[in-house]
Amino acid sequence: MKRLKISHILNNKDFVYALSLFVFIAFISISFYELSKTEVTVVQEGETMTVRTHAKTVGDVLNELAIEVGEHDELSHEVNELVNRDITIEHTIAKEVVVSIDGDDQTYYTTSDTVGDFLQEQDIEMKKHDHMSLADSTEIKDNLEIDIEKAFQVTINDAGEKEKIWTTGGTVKELLADHDVKLAKLDRVKPKKSTKVKEDTSINITRVEKITDVVEEEQDYSVVKKNDDSLEKGTEEVVSEGESGLIEKHYEVVLENGEEVSRELIEEEVKKESQEKVVAVGTKVEQPKQTATPAASNEQSSKSSNTNNTAKSEPKTETVSRGSEEKEGKTLYMKATAYNWDCASCDGRGLTATGYDLKNNPEGVVAVDPSVIPLGSKVWVEGYGYAIARDTGGNIKGNKIDLHMSSQQKAQNYGTKTVQVKIIE
C-alpha cells in the first residue's frame, strides 16, 4: 500500500511538469508571434492610428482595418506594395465638388485642400475680370459648389464716345451702375435697361438736353402814305422817319448729343414797338394863267411855267438802310472748357497744332475736333466771341471745344459750360 502512494505522487508531479512546459511553450509561441508582427501607422483624414499586423501588403492592412479606398481617393502607397517595418500609409478621401461655369454644371472629385489648389489641379483658368463665388483660400468640403462667371467685353457708346468695358453679365442698368455711368432724366439708352447683356451687346446712350434760346428779332415798320394838297401832284415828302421794332422770342431747344434736333417758340415779348413811316403824297395841280400878251410873251411864259413845273414835278427819292446780317453756317451746342498755353501738360513753346504763336497772340483761338469743326474755321462762341479754330487736344473729341485764355487763372476760373457755337466760315 505504501508503494502505490509514492507512485501516485510521482504521476502528479509529471502532470504538473507537463502542464508547466505546455504553458511555457504556449507563452513563448505567443510572444514570438506578437514580436513577429510589423508596426504600421495609418493616417486617414488627419487622424493617426498605429497597429501591429502580420499583413503582407498595404491592401491587407486596409482590409484588416475595414478601410475602403474609393475610386477618386488618394493613397500614399500601392495596395499591392509589401508592408515593411515603420511604414506610414496615408489615405485621403476624395470630396465631391460641383463647378458651374456660366450656368454649365460639372461634377469633380478632388483631394485638394483649398479652392485655389483645386482649380490648379483641374486646370480651370481664372482671368483678371472673371468672377468666382468663393475665395481661393476656401477649404474644400464634400458637396462644395463653386460658381464662376467668365468676363466678356461690351461696348458703350456714350454720345459718340465709345468705350469697351469688362463685365460678367447682368442687365444694362446694372452694368451702367457698376461703371458709374449716370443717366439724366431725359437721356435715352438702347437696348432698354432691363435687357440682359451679352458679348455682342452694344449700349448706345443719347444725351438729351432742353435749353431756352432767347433770340431778338427786328420788326419791320410800316409805311403810311397820306395825300397832301400843298404838294405838287407826283411828288412825295417824308413826314416822319420809320423806326424798326424789337421782339424777343424764347425758344425751347432740344439737343441730342450737343446738336439741335427741335426748336419750339414758347414765349414772345415786344421789347420795342415799331414806328411807322409817314410819307406825304402831293395832289396839288397848277392851273394855267389866261392873258392877252403877245405870243412871244406867252411862249416865254409857257417855257418858264414848264421849267417851274418840271422842277416841281421831279419826285423826291430816299434810301432806307435796313442793315444786313452776316452769313452764318451750322449752329451747335457744345461743352466748352478753357486752357492757357503755359499749362502743366503743354510743351512750353506756346505753339498750336497749326503752328500758331499763342504767346504773342493769346486772343481768339479755340481748340476743336477737326472732324466736327475743320481747322481754320471762323466761329462765334457764346460768351467768348469770334475766334479761329487753330488748335486740337487729346481730350477734345466730338462736341467739345477748348477756349484759349490769356492767363492760366482765367482758364481755371472758366470751368465747364454748355455754349452755343456758330460756324461762320
Protein backbone atom coordinates (compact mmCIF):
# COMPACT_ATOMS: atom_id res chain seq x y z
CA MET A 1 0.00 0.00 0.00
CA LYS A 2 2.82 2.44 0.68
CA ARG A 3 4.45 1.90 -2.74
CA LEU A 4 1.24 2.77 -4.55
CA LYS A 5 1.03 6.07 -2.78
CA ILE A 6 4.52 7.08 -3.81
CA SER A 7 3.76 6.16 -7.43
CA HIS A 8 0.66 8.24 -7.34
CA ILE A 9 2.61 11.19 -6.11
CA LEU A 10 5.14 10.77 -8.93
CA ASN A 11 2.39 10.75 -11.52
CA ASN A 12 1.00 14.04 -10.15
CA LYS A 13 4.42 15.68 -10.47
CA ASP A 14 4.75 14.60 -14.06
CA PHE A 15 1.40 16.12 -14.89
CA VAL A 16 2.30 19.42 -13.31
CA TYR A 17 5.61 19.44 -15.11
CA ALA A 18 3.99 18.66 -18.44
CA LEU A 19 1.38 21.37 -17.89
CA SER A 20 4.00 23.93 -16.99
CA LEU A 21 6.02 23.01 -20.04
CA PHE A 22 2.94 23.42 -22.24
CA VAL A 23 2.16 26.81 -20.77
CA PHE A 24 5.75 27.90 -21.23
CA ILE A 25 5.83 26.76 -24.84
CA ALA A 26 2.49 28.49 -25.48
CA PHE A 27 3.77 31.71 -23.92
CA ILE A 28 6.94 31.55 -25.97
CA SER A 29 4.92 30.90 -29.10
CA ILE A 30 2.52 33.74 -28.41
CA SER A 31 5.38 36.07 -27.56
CA PHE A 32 7.20 35.10 -30.70
CA TYR A 33 4.01 35.58 -32.73
CA GLU A 34 3.46 39.02 -31.31
CA LEU A 35 7.05 40.01 -31.72
CA SER A 36 6.97 38.91 -35.34
CA LYS A 37 4.20 41.45 -36.14
CA THR A 38 5.06 44.65 -38.10
CA GLU A 39 4.12 48.02 -36.66
CA VAL A 40 2.17 50.08 -39.22
CA THR A 41 0.93 53.72 -39.00
CA VAL A 42 -2.24 54.63 -40.85
CA VAL A 43 -3.28 58.28 -41.38
CA GLN A 44 -6.84 58.95 -42.54
CA GLU A 45 -8.48 62.39 -42.77
CA GLY A 46 -6.00 63.84 -40.31
CA GLU A 47 -6.43 61.04 -37.74
CA THR A 48 -3.43 58.78 -36.99
CA MET A 49 -3.60 55.16 -35.74
CA THR A 50 -0.80 52.63 -35.12
CA VAL A 51 -1.39 48.88 -35.50
CA ARG A 52 0.74 45.70 -35.28
CA THR A 53 -0.06 43.25 -38.02
CA HIS A 54 1.10 40.20 -39.92
CA ALA A 55 -0.46 41.65 -43.11
CA LYS A 56 1.83 41.27 -46.06
CA THR A 57 0.56 44.13 -48.28
CA VAL A 58 -0.91 47.60 -47.87
CA GLY A 59 -4.21 46.27 -49.16
CA ASP A 60 -4.21 43.57 -46.41
CA VAL A 61 -3.67 46.24 -43.76
CA LEU A 62 -6.58 48.32 -45.07
CA ASN A 63 -8.79 45.21 -45.18
CA GLU A 64 -7.92 44.36 -41.57
CA LEU A 65 -8.96 47.92 -40.59
CA ALA A 66 -12.08 47.80 -42.80
CA ILE A 67 -10.91 50.86 -44.72
CA GLU A 68 -12.41 51.08 -48.21
CA VAL A 69 -10.50 53.13 -50.78
CA GLY A 70 -12.75 54.92 -53.25
CA GLU A 71 -12.05 55.40 -56.97
CA HIS A 72 -11.01 59.04 -56.57
CA ASP A 73 -9.35 58.70 -53.16
CA GLU A 74 -5.65 59.33 -52.75
CA LEU A 75 -3.43 56.57 -51.25
CA SER A 76 0.22 57.10 -50.41
CA HIS A 77 1.18 53.52 -51.47
CA GLU A 78 0.00 50.99 -54.00
CA VAL A 79 -2.35 48.38 -52.49
CA ASN A 80 -0.06 45.52 -53.55
CA GLU A 81 3.04 47.10 -52.02
CA LEU A 82 4.67 44.92 -49.33
CA VAL A 83 4.44 46.10 -45.75
CA ASN A 84 7.75 46.80 -44.04
CA ARG A 85 8.59 47.96 -40.57
CA ASP A 86 7.69 51.57 -39.69
CA ILE A 87 5.63 52.14 -42.87
CA THR A 88 3.10 55.01 -42.81
CA ILE A 89 0.02 54.63 -45.01
CA GLU A 90 -1.86 57.86 -45.79
CA HIS A 91 -5.42 57.69 -47.08
CA THR A 92 -7.20 60.87 -48.26
CA ILE A 93 -10.88 60.58 -49.10
CA ALA A 94 -11.90 62.47 -52.27
CA LYS A 95 -14.63 65.13 -51.92
CA GLU A 96 -17.31 65.92 -54.46
CA VAL A 97 -17.21 69.47 -55.92
CA VAL A 98 -19.75 70.94 -58.37
CA VAL A 99 -18.43 73.74 -60.60
CA SER A 100 -20.88 75.95 -62.51
CA ILE A 101 -19.27 77.98 -65.31
CA ASP A 102 -21.78 80.45 -66.79
CA GLY A 103 -24.60 78.12 -65.72
CA ASP A 104 -23.00 74.93 -67.07
CA ASP A 105 -22.57 72.46 -64.15
CA GLN A 106 -19.83 69.84 -63.94
CA THR A 107 -19.02 67.46 -61.07
CA TYR A 108 -15.43 66.82 -59.91
CA TYR A 109 -13.79 64.68 -57.19
CA THR A 110 -10.71 66.07 -55.52
CA THR A 111 -8.34 65.61 -52.61
CA SER A 112 -7.10 69.21 -52.76
CA ASP A 113 -7.25 71.26 -49.58
CA THR A 114 -8.36 74.65 -50.98
CA VAL A 115 -10.37 76.04 -53.91
CA GLY A 116 -7.20 77.55 -55.39
CA ASP A 117 -5.42 74.18 -55.33
CA PHE A 118 -8.48 72.51 -56.85
CA LEU A 119 -8.65 74.98 -59.78
CA GLN A 120 -4.96 74.45 -60.47
CA GLU A 121 -5.38 70.68 -60.23
CA GLN A 122 -8.26 70.69 -62.72
CA ASP A 123 -6.60 73.33 -64.98
CA ILE A 124 -9.56 75.72 -64.64
CA GLU A 125 -8.23 79.16 -65.63
CA MET A 126 -9.49 82.31 -63.90
CA LYS A 127 -8.76 85.52 -65.84
CA LYS A 128 -8.46 89.01 -64.37
CA HIS A 129 -12.07 90.09 -64.85
CA ASP A 130 -13.73 86.71 -64.17
CA HIS A 131 -15.83 86.36 -61.03
CA MET A 132 -15.91 83.39 -58.62
CA SER A 133 -18.33 82.90 -55.74
CA LEU A 134 -15.60 81.66 -53.34
CA ALA A 135 -12.11 82.83 -52.42
CA ASP A 136 -9.05 80.80 -53.44
CA SER A 137 -8.32 80.12 -49.77
CA THR A 138 -11.72 78.50 -49.11
CA GLU A 139 -11.37 74.97 -47.65
CA ILE A 140 -12.67 72.13 -49.80
CA LYS A 141 -15.59 70.28 -48.22
CA ASP A 142 -17.76 67.49 -49.56
CA ASN A 143 -20.54 68.64 -51.92
CA LEU A 144 -18.96 72.09 -52.30
CA GLU A 145 -20.48 74.32 -55.04
CA ILE A 146 -18.37 76.86 -56.95
CA ASP A 147 -19.98 79.39 -59.31
CA ILE A 148 -17.75 81.01 -61.95
CA GLU A 149 -18.81 83.78 -64.33
CA LYS A 150 -16.46 84.35 -67.27
CA ALA A 151 -15.94 88.01 -68.22
CA PHE A 152 -16.51 89.46 -71.69
CA GLN A 153 -16.36 92.93 -73.25
CA VAL A 154 -19.31 95.21 -74.00
CA THR A 155 -19.17 98.48 -75.98
CA ILE A 156 -20.75 101.62 -74.50
CA ASN A 157 -21.34 104.44 -76.99
CA ASP A 158 -21.94 107.49 -74.80
CA ALA A 159 -22.92 110.43 -77.01
CA GLY A 160 -20.44 109.36 -79.69
CA GLU A 161 -17.62 108.42 -77.32
CA LYS A 162 -17.06 104.65 -77.42
CA GLU A 163 -15.54 102.62 -74.60
CA LYS A 164 -15.11 98.87 -74.15
CA ILE A 165 -15.67 97.57 -70.62
CA TRP A 166 -15.43 94.15 -68.96
CA THR A 167 -18.45 92.51 -67.39
CA THR A 168 -19.69 89.09 -66.31
CA GLY A 169 -23.28 89.77 -67.30
CA GLY A 170 -26.36 91.23 -65.70
CA THR A 171 -28.73 93.88 -67.06
CA VAL A 172 -27.91 97.11 -68.87
CA LYS A 173 -29.00 99.03 -65.76
CA GLU A 174 -26.66 97.02 -63.50
CA LEU A 175 -23.76 97.39 -65.94
CA LEU A 176 -24.11 101.19 -66.11
CA ALA A 177 -24.33 101.39 -62.31
CA ASP A 178 -21.24 99.19 -61.84
CA HIS A 179 -19.21 101.50 -64.08
CA ASP A 180 -20.66 104.75 -62.65
CA VAL A 181 -22.34 105.77 -65.90
CA LYS A 182 -25.16 108.10 -64.84
CA LEU A 183 -28.21 108.97 -66.91
CA ALA A 184 -30.05 112.28 -66.70
CA LYS A 185 -33.85 112.40 -66.72
CA LEU A 186 -34.16 113.00 -70.48
CA ASP A 187 -31.31 110.75 -71.61
CA ARG A 188 -32.14 107.66 -73.67
CA VAL A 189 -30.42 104.27 -73.68
CA LYS A 190 -30.69 101.33 -76.08
CA PRO A 191 -31.29 98.50 -75.53
CA LYS A 192 -33.63 99.11 -72.60
CA LYS A 193 -32.30 98.94 -69.06
CA SER A 194 -33.84 95.55 -68.26
CA THR A 195 -32.06 93.83 -71.17
CA LYS A 196 -29.53 91.13 -70.26
CA VAL A 197 -26.14 91.98 -71.74
CA LYS A 198 -24.24 89.51 -73.92
CA GLU A 199 -20.83 89.51 -75.53
CA ASP A 200 -22.15 91.17 -78.71
CA THR A 201 -24.28 93.77 -76.89
CA SER A 202 -23.66 97.42 -77.83
CA ILE A 203 -25.14 100.01 -75.46
CA ASN A 204 -25.96 103.38 -77.05
CA ILE A 205 -26.63 106.42 -74.87
CA THR A 206 -28.21 109.56 -76.30
CA ARG A 207 -27.66 112.61 -74.09
CA VAL A 208 -30.74 114.83 -74.27
CA GLU A 209 -30.87 118.43 -73.04
CA LYS A 210 -33.58 121.08 -73.10
CA ILE A 211 -32.38 124.68 -73.09
CA THR A 212 -34.03 128.05 -73.65
CA ASP A 213 -32.64 130.10 -76.52
CA VAL A 214 -33.54 133.82 -76.47
CA VAL A 215 -33.44 135.49 -79.89
CA GLU A 216 -34.03 139.18 -80.61
CA GLU A 217 -35.66 139.84 -83.97
CA GLU A 218 -36.13 143.17 -85.70
CA GLN A 219 -39.73 144.05 -86.57
CA ASP A 220 -40.21 145.94 -89.84
CA TYR A 221 -42.00 149.24 -89.70
CA SER A 222 -44.99 150.03 -91.91
CA VAL A 223 -45.16 152.85 -94.46
CA VAL A 224 -48.23 155.09 -94.45
CA LYS A 225 -48.89 157.45 -97.36
CA LYS A 226 -51.15 160.48 -96.90
CA ASN A 227 -52.41 162.84 -99.56
CA ASP A 228 -51.15 166.43 -99.27
CA ASP A 229 -52.73 169.11 -101.46
CA SER A 230 -49.95 171.54 -100.62
CA LEU A 231 -47.52 169.48 -102.63
CA GLU A 232 -47.43 169.31 -106.37
CA LYS A 233 -49.00 166.20 -107.77
CA GLY A 234 -46.46 163.46 -108.42
CA THR A 235 -44.17 164.49 -105.56
CA GLU A 236 -43.66 162.80 -102.20
CA GLU A 237 -42.19 164.06 -98.99
CA VAL A 238 -41.22 162.11 -95.85
CA VAL A 239 -43.14 163.50 -92.90
CA SER A 240 -41.64 161.20 -90.26
CA GLU A 241 -38.99 158.50 -90.50
CA GLY A 242 -39.91 154.94 -89.63
CA GLU A 243 -38.20 153.01 -86.88
CA SER A 244 -37.90 149.20 -86.60
CA GLY A 245 -39.25 147.47 -83.53
CA LEU A 246 -37.62 144.69 -81.47
CA ILE A 247 -39.22 141.39 -80.50
CA GLU A 248 -37.65 138.97 -78.00
CA LYS A 249 -38.51 135.34 -78.74
CA HIS A 250 -37.94 132.47 -76.31
CA TYR A 251 -37.45 129.05 -77.90
CA GLU A 252 -37.32 125.68 -76.16
CA VAL A 253 -34.47 123.88 -77.90
CA VAL A 254 -33.92 120.13 -77.66
CA LEU A 255 -30.31 118.97 -78.05
CA GLU A 256 -29.27 115.39 -78.67
CA ASN A 257 -25.57 114.77 -78.13
CA GLY A 258 -25.00 118.51 -78.39
CA GLU A 259 -26.82 119.00 -81.70
CA GLU A 260 -30.15 120.76 -82.09
CA VAL A 261 -32.99 118.46 -83.16
CA SER A 262 -36.05 120.61 -82.46
CA ARG A 263 -37.00 124.19 -81.65
CA GLU A 264 -40.36 125.40 -80.32
CA LEU A 265 -41.45 129.00 -79.70
CA ILE A 266 -42.76 129.19 -76.13
CA GLU A 267 -42.83 132.94 -75.44
CA GLU A 268 -42.74 136.18 -77.40
CA GLU A 269 -42.29 139.65 -75.95
CA VAL A 270 -42.24 143.02 -77.69
CA LYS A 271 -39.26 144.91 -76.32
CA LYS A 272 -39.70 147.93 -78.58
CA GLU A 273 -42.66 148.98 -80.70
CA SER A 274 -42.02 149.86 -84.34
CA GLN A 275 -42.75 153.40 -85.53
CA GLU A 276 -44.49 153.81 -88.88
CA LYS A 277 -43.00 155.88 -91.64
CA VAL A 278 -45.32 158.64 -92.87
CA VAL A 279 -44.99 159.90 -96.44
CA ALA A 280 -46.94 162.86 -97.86
CA VAL A 281 -48.10 162.43 -101.46
CA GLY A 282 -48.70 165.61 -103.42
CA THR A 283 -52.12 166.18 -105.04
CA LYS A 284 -51.91 169.86 -105.99
CA VAL A 285 -52.49 170.64 -109.70
CA GLU A 286 -51.33 174.05 -111.11
CA GLN A 287 -53.97 175.86 -113.22
CA PRO A 288 -52.63 177.66 -116.37
CA LYS A 289 -52.99 181.51 -116.37
CA GLN A 290 -55.13 183.19 -119.14
CA THR A 291 -53.52 186.51 -120.51
CA ALA A 292 -53.73 188.71 -123.67
CA THR A 293 -50.00 189.08 -124.00
CA PRO A 294 -48.24 188.64 -127.32
CA ALA A 295 -47.40 185.19 -128.49
CA ALA A 296 -43.75 185.65 -127.69
CA SER A 297 -44.63 186.60 -124.20
CA ASN A 298 -46.95 183.62 -123.98
CA GLU A 299 -44.23 181.36 -125.32
CA GLN A 300 -41.75 182.72 -122.78
CA SER A 301 -44.31 182.38 -120.03
CA SER A 302 -45.07 178.87 -121.18
CA LYS A 303 -41.38 177.93 -121.13
CA SER A 304 -41.00 179.47 -117.72
CA SER A 305 -44.06 177.66 -116.48
CA ASN A 306 -42.87 174.40 -117.96
CA THR A 307 -39.49 174.90 -116.38
CA ASN A 308 -41.06 175.55 -112.99
CA ASN A 309 -43.46 172.66 -113.34
CA THR A 310 -40.65 170.36 -114.35
CA ALA A 311 -38.67 171.37 -111.31
CA LYS A 312 -41.61 170.81 -109.02
CA SER A 313 -42.67 167.56 -110.59
CA GLU A 314 -39.34 165.77 -110.04
CA PRO A 315 -40.08 163.23 -107.26
CA LYS A 316 -38.03 163.17 -104.13
CA THR A 317 -36.37 159.83 -103.52
CA GLU A 318 -34.95 158.28 -100.37
CA THR A 319 -32.87 155.29 -99.49
CA VAL A 320 -33.59 153.47 -96.25
CA SER A 321 -30.76 151.25 -94.98
CA ARG A 322 -32.24 148.16 -93.38
CA GLY A 323 -28.92 146.59 -92.37
CA SER A 324 -27.57 143.19 -93.28
CA GLU A 325 -26.85 140.06 -91.37
CA GLU A 326 -23.54 138.30 -91.58
CA LYS A 327 -23.96 134.92 -93.25
CA GLU A 328 -23.93 132.16 -90.65
CA GLY A 329 -23.44 128.43 -91.05
CA LYS A 330 -24.12 125.46 -88.74
CA THR A 331 -25.06 126.09 -85.10
CA LEU A 332 -24.00 123.61 -82.42
CA TYR A 333 -24.32 123.39 -78.67
CA MET A 334 -21.01 122.20 -77.27
CA LYS A 335 -19.30 121.56 -73.93
CA ALA A 336 -16.70 124.27 -73.52
CA THR A 337 -13.56 124.29 -71.36
CA ALA A 338 -10.64 126.70 -71.29
CA TYR A 339 -6.83 126.43 -71.36
CA ASN A 340 -3.69 128.52 -71.49
CA TRP A 341 -0.50 127.72 -73.40
CA ASP A 342 1.51 127.75 -70.13
CA CYS A 343 -0.22 124.65 -68.67
CA ALA A 344 1.43 121.70 -66.91
CA SER A 345 0.87 119.31 -69.82
CA CYS A 346 1.78 121.84 -72.56
CA ASP A 347 5.16 121.86 -74.31
CA GLY A 348 6.00 125.41 -73.13
CA ARG A 349 6.58 126.77 -76.64
CA GLY A 350 3.11 128.25 -76.97
CA LEU A 351 2.51 126.85 -80.46
CA THR A 352 -0.81 125.35 -81.55
CA ALA A 353 -1.27 122.22 -83.65
CA THR A 354 -1.25 124.50 -86.71
CA GLY A 355 1.93 126.34 -85.58
CA TYR A 356 0.14 129.47 -84.39
CA ASP A 357 2.00 131.51 -81.70
CA LEU A 358 -0.24 131.75 -78.62
CA LYS A 359 2.36 133.57 -76.52
CA ASN A 360 2.15 136.70 -78.64
CA ASN A 361 -1.43 136.22 -79.86
CA PRO A 362 -3.47 134.78 -76.98
CA GLU A 363 -6.93 136.02 -78.03
CA GLY A 364 -9.47 134.46 -80.36
CA VAL A 365 -8.09 130.90 -80.58
CA VAL A 366 -10.02 127.70 -79.91
CA ALA A 367 -9.10 124.01 -79.94
CA VAL A 368 -11.55 121.72 -81.76
CA ASP A 369 -12.12 118.22 -83.04
CA PRO A 370 -11.32 118.65 -86.76
CA SER A 371 -13.93 116.04 -87.67
CA VAL A 372 -16.60 118.38 -86.22
CA ILE A 373 -15.11 121.85 -86.91
CA PRO A 374 -12.36 121.96 -89.58
CA LEU A 375 -9.13 123.67 -88.58
CA GLY A 376 -9.00 127.25 -89.86
CA SER A 377 -12.75 127.76 -89.48
CA LYS A 378 -14.06 131.07 -88.19
CA VAL A 379 -16.50 130.54 -85.31
CA TRP A 380 -18.56 132.56 -82.87
CA VAL A 381 -18.69 131.18 -79.32
CA GLU A 382 -21.31 132.32 -76.83
CA GLY A 383 -19.62 134.31 -74.05
CA TYR A 384 -16.24 134.29 -75.86
CA GLY A 385 -16.88 135.96 -79.21
CA TYR A 386 -15.32 135.39 -82.62
CA ALA A 387 -12.35 133.05 -82.90
CA ILE A 388 -10.39 130.83 -85.29
CA ALA A 389 -10.07 127.05 -84.91
CA ARG A 390 -6.27 126.80 -84.76
CA ASP A 391 -5.62 124.01 -82.21
CA THR A 392 -6.55 120.45 -81.22
CA GLY A 393 -6.39 118.50 -77.96
CA GLY A 394 -6.24 114.91 -76.76
CA ASN A 395 -9.48 115.29 -74.80
CA ILE A 396 -11.25 117.47 -77.38
CA LYS A 397 -13.34 114.82 -79.13
CA GLY A 398 -16.84 115.17 -80.56
CA ASN A 399 -18.96 118.15 -79.49
CA LYS A 400 -16.30 119.70 -77.26
CA ILE A 401 -14.38 122.96 -77.62
CA ASP A 402 -11.42 124.40 -75.67
CA LEU A 403 -11.12 128.20 -75.44
CA HIS A 404 -7.66 129.74 -75.14
CA MET A 405 -7.40 132.31 -72.33
CA SER A 406 -4.73 134.95 -71.81
CA SER A 407 -3.77 133.51 -68.41
CA GLN A 408 -3.83 130.20 -66.56
CA GLN A 409 -6.00 131.73 -63.82
CA LYS A 410 -8.68 132.77 -66.32
CA ALA A 411 -8.67 129.29 -67.80
CA GLN A 412 -9.16 127.70 -64.36
CA ASN A 413 -11.96 130.12 -63.47
CA TYR A 414 -13.87 129.32 -66.67
CA GLY A 415 -14.77 125.76 -65.66
CA THR A 416 -17.08 123.74 -67.97
CA LYS A 417 -20.13 125.16 -69.73
CA THR A 418 -22.58 124.30 -72.48
CA VAL A 419 -22.43 127.09 -75.07
CA GLN A 420 -23.80 127.93 -78.49
CA VAL A 421 -21.19 127.72 -81.26
CA LYS A 422 -21.79 129.10 -84.74
CA ILE A 423 -19.53 128.08 -87.60
CA ILE A 424 -19.23 131.25 -89.70
CA GLU A 425 -16.97 130.03 -92.49
